[in-house]
Amino acid sequence: MITTDDKIPLIKAEFENLKVPEPDQVPYDLVVVPIATGGKSYIEWVHQQTSYVRAKDDSATAAPSADE
């Protein structure tokens, strides 16, 4: 999953709603890893995918190719 720092509390809240009823089981693991590097087209794609408002163009959801 790719998201922004601002949305992490929202994701954690959703996972909290899915708690396992068994007290001895771990309900979920959430590991957050910041993106430190990447190609320009990849970083732009991530920004498009994680924005609240997306372009209606279908190409906005396509992952960048390795050539870009």
N, C-alpha and C. Protein backbone atom coordinates (compact mmCIF):
# COMPACT_ATOMS: atom_id res chain seq x y z
N MET A 1 0.84 -1.15 0.00
CA MET A 1 0.00 0.00 0.00
C MET A 1 0.90 1.23 0.00
N ILE A 2 0.55 2.20 -0.79
CA ILE A 2 1.26 3.47 -0.81
C ILE A 2 0.30 4.54 -0.34
N THR A 3 0.74 5.37 0.59
CA THR A 3 -0.10 6.44 1.11
C THR A 3 0.76 7.60 1.57
N THR A 4 0.13 8.61 2.10
CA THR A 4 0.85 9.77 2.61
C THR A 4 0.91 9.71 4.13
N ASP A 5 1.83 10.48 4.70
CA ASP A 5 1.95 10.53 6.16
C ASP A 5 0.65 10.98 6.81
N ASP A 6 -0.06 11.90 6.15
CA ASP A 6 -1.31 12.41 6.71
C ASP A 6 -2.40 11.34 6.84
N LYS A 7 -2.34 10.33 5.99
CA LYS A 7 -3.38 9.30 5.98
C LYS A 7 -3.09 8.13 6.91
N ILE A 8 -1.89 8.05 7.46
CA ILE A 8 -1.54 6.92 8.32
C ILE A 8 -2.47 6.81 9.54
N PRO A 9 -2.81 7.90 10.22
CA PRO A 9 -3.76 7.76 11.34
C PRO A 9 -5.13 7.23 10.90
N LEU A 10 -5.55 7.58 9.69
CA LEU A 10 -6.83 7.06 9.17
C LEU A 10 -6.75 5.55 8.95
N ILE A 11 -5.63 5.10 8.42
CA ILE A 11 -5.44 3.67 8.18
C ILE A 11 -5.39 2.91 9.50
N LYS A 12 -4.66 3.46 10.48
CA LYS A 12 -4.59 2.82 11.79
C LYS A 12 -5.97 2.71 12.43
N ALA A 13 -6.78 3.75 12.28
CA ALA A 13 -8.14 3.72 12.84
C ALA A 13 -8.97 2.63 12.18
N GLU A 14 -8.83 2.46 10.88
CA GLU A 14 -9.58 1.40 10.18
C GLU A 14 -9.13 0.02 10.66
N PHE A 15 -7.83 -0.17 10.84
CA PHE A 15 -7.35 -1.45 11.35
C PHE A 15 -7.84 -1.71 12.76
N GLU A 16 -7.92 -0.68 13.57
CA GLU A 16 -8.43 -0.84 14.94
C GLU A 16 -9.86 -1.37 14.93
N ASN A 17 -10.64 -1.00 13.92
CA ASN A 17 -12.01 -1.48 13.80
C ASN A 17 -12.07 -2.97 13.45
N LEU A 18 -10.96 -3.52 12.98
CA LEU A 18 -10.92 -4.93 12.56
C LEU A 18 -10.25 -5.82 13.60
N LYS A 19 -10.26 -5.42 14.83
CA LYS A 19 -9.58 -6.19 15.88
C LYS A 19 -10.12 -7.62 15.96
N VAL A 20 -9.19 -8.52 16.18
CA VAL A 20 -9.52 -9.93 16.33
C VAL A 20 -10.13 -10.12 17.73
N PRO A 21 -11.25 -10.85 17.84
CA PRO A 21 -11.89 -11.01 19.14
C PRO A 21 -11.07 -11.84 20.13
N GLU A 22 -10.09 -12.57 19.67
CA GLU A 22 -9.27 -13.39 20.55
C GLU A 22 -8.23 -12.50 21.25
N PRO A 23 -8.22 -12.44 22.57
CA PRO A 23 -7.30 -11.53 23.27
C PRO A 23 -5.83 -11.88 23.12
N ASP A 24 -5.50 -13.14 22.81
CA ASP A 24 -4.10 -13.53 22.71
C ASP A 24 -3.54 -13.44 21.30
N GLN A 25 -4.35 -12.97 20.34
CA GLN A 25 -3.88 -12.85 18.96
C GLN A 25 -3.58 -11.38 18.64
N VAL A 26 -2.55 -11.18 17.86
CA VAL A 26 -2.19 -9.84 17.41
C VAL A 26 -3.18 -9.42 16.33
N PRO A 27 -3.84 -8.28 16.49
CA PRO A 27 -4.86 -7.89 15.52
C PRO A 27 -4.30 -7.51 14.16
N TYR A 28 -3.15 -6.87 14.13
CA TYR A 28 -2.54 -6.50 12.85
C TYR A 28 -1.13 -6.00 13.08
N ASP A 29 -0.34 -6.04 12.02
CA ASP A 29 0.98 -5.42 12.00
C ASP A 29 0.93 -4.32 10.96
N LEU A 30 1.44 -3.17 11.29
CA LEU A 30 1.50 -2.06 10.35
C LEU A 30 2.92 -1.53 10.36
N VAL A 31 3.58 -1.63 9.22
CA VAL A 31 4.94 -1.14 9.08
C VAL A 31 4.91 0.00 8.07
N VAL A 32 5.45 1.14 8.47
CA VAL A 32 5.47 2.31 7.60
C VAL A 32 6.91 2.56 7.17
N VAL A 33 7.12 2.59 5.86
CA VAL A 33 8.45 2.81 5.32
C VAL A 33 8.39 4.02 4.39
N PRO A 34 9.09 5.08 4.71
CA PRO A 34 9.07 6.25 3.83
C PRO A 34 9.83 5.98 2.53
N ILE A 35 9.37 6.59 1.47
CA ILE A 35 10.06 6.48 0.18
C ILE A 35 11.20 7.49 0.22
N ALA A 36 12.43 6.99 0.12
CA ALA A 36 13.59 7.86 0.20
C ALA A 36 14.11 8.27 -1.18
N THR A 37 13.97 7.38 -2.15
CA THR A 37 14.48 7.67 -3.49
C THR A 37 13.53 7.09 -4.52
N GLY A 38 13.71 7.48 -5.74
CA GLY A 38 12.91 6.95 -6.83
C GLY A 38 13.02 7.86 -8.04
N GLY A 39 12.69 7.29 -9.18
CA GLY A 39 12.70 8.08 -10.40
C GLY A 39 11.62 9.15 -10.37
N LYS A 40 11.82 10.18 -11.16
CA LYS A 40 10.87 11.30 -11.18
C LYS A 40 9.46 10.83 -11.55
N SER A 41 9.34 9.97 -12.56
CA SER A 41 8.01 9.51 -12.97
C SER A 41 7.35 8.67 -11.87
N TYR A 42 8.15 7.88 -11.13
CA TYR A 42 7.60 7.09 -10.04
C TYR A 42 7.09 7.99 -8.91
N ILE A 43 7.88 8.97 -8.53
CA ILE A 43 7.47 9.89 -7.47
C ILE A 43 6.21 10.65 -7.88
N GLU A 44 6.12 11.09 -9.13
CA GLU A 44 4.91 11.77 -9.61
C GLU A 44 3.71 10.83 -9.56
N TRP A 45 3.91 9.57 -9.94
CA TRP A 45 2.83 8.58 -9.90
C TRP A 45 2.35 8.37 -8.47
N VAL A 46 3.28 8.28 -7.53
CA VAL A 46 2.91 8.11 -6.12
C VAL A 46 2.08 9.30 -5.66
N HIS A 47 2.50 10.49 -6.00
CA HIS A 47 1.74 11.68 -5.60
C HIS A 47 0.33 11.66 -6.19
N GLN A 48 0.21 11.23 -7.45
CA GLN A 48 -1.13 11.13 -8.07
C GLN A 48 -1.99 10.09 -7.37
N GLN A 49 -1.40 8.95 -7.03
CA GLN A 49 -2.15 7.86 -6.43
C GLN A 49 -2.59 8.15 -5.00
N THR A 50 -1.84 8.98 -4.30
CA THR A 50 -2.15 9.23 -2.91
C THR A 50 -2.89 10.53 -2.68
N SER A 51 -3.19 11.26 -3.74
CA SER A 51 -3.92 12.52 -3.56
C SER A 51 -5.39 12.22 -3.34
N TYR A 52 -6.06 13.10 -2.63
CA TYR A 52 -7.49 12.93 -2.39
C TYR A 52 -8.28 13.16 -3.67
N VAL A 53 -7.79 14.00 -4.54
CA VAL A 53 -8.46 14.30 -5.80
C VAL A 53 -7.58 13.77 -6.92
N ARG A 54 -8.14 12.84 -7.68
CA ARG A 54 -7.39 12.25 -8.79
C ARG A 54 -7.94 12.74 -10.11
N ALA A 55 -7.08 12.75 -11.10
CA ALA A 55 -7.52 13.07 -12.45
C ALA A 55 -8.45 11.97 -12.93
N LYS A 56 -9.42 12.32 -13.75
CA LYS A 56 -10.37 11.33 -14.25
C LYS A 56 -9.79 10.52 -15.40
N ASP A 57 -8.62 10.90 -15.86
CA ASP A 57 -7.95 10.20 -16.94
C ASP A 57 -7.45 8.85 -16.45
N ASP A 58 -7.73 7.77 -17.18
CA ASP A 58 -7.31 6.42 -16.77
C ASP A 58 -5.80 6.27 -16.70
N SER A 59 -5.06 7.05 -17.46
CA SER A 59 -3.61 6.90 -17.45
C SER A 59 -3.02 7.33 -16.12
N ALA A 60 -3.78 8.06 -15.31
CA ALA A 60 -3.28 8.50 -14.01
C ALA A 60 -3.13 7.32 -13.05
N THR A 61 -3.81 6.20 -13.31
CA THR A 61 -3.72 5.06 -12.41
C THR A 61 -2.71 4.02 -12.88
N ALA A 62 -2.18 4.18 -14.08
CA ALA A 62 -1.22 3.22 -14.59
C ALA A 62 0.15 3.48 -13.96
N ALA A 63 0.77 2.42 -13.50
CA ALA A 63 2.10 2.55 -12.91
C ALA A 63 3.09 2.93 -13.99
N PRO A 64 4.11 3.71 -13.67
CA PRO A 64 5.09 4.08 -14.68
C PRO A 64 5.88 2.86 -15.14
N SER A 65 6.29 2.88 -16.39
CA SER A 65 7.06 1.77 -16.90
C SER A 65 8.51 1.89 -16.45
N ALA A 66 9.26 0.84 -16.60
CA ALA A 66 10.66 0.84 -16.19
C ALA A 66 11.48 1.78 -17.06
N ASP A 67 10.97 2.11 -18.25
CA ASP A 67 11.70 3.00 -19.15
C ASP A 67 11.66 4.45 -18.70
N GLU A 68 10.66 4.80 -17.93
CA GLU A 68 10.47 6.20 -17.56
C GLU A 68 11.35 6.60 -16.42
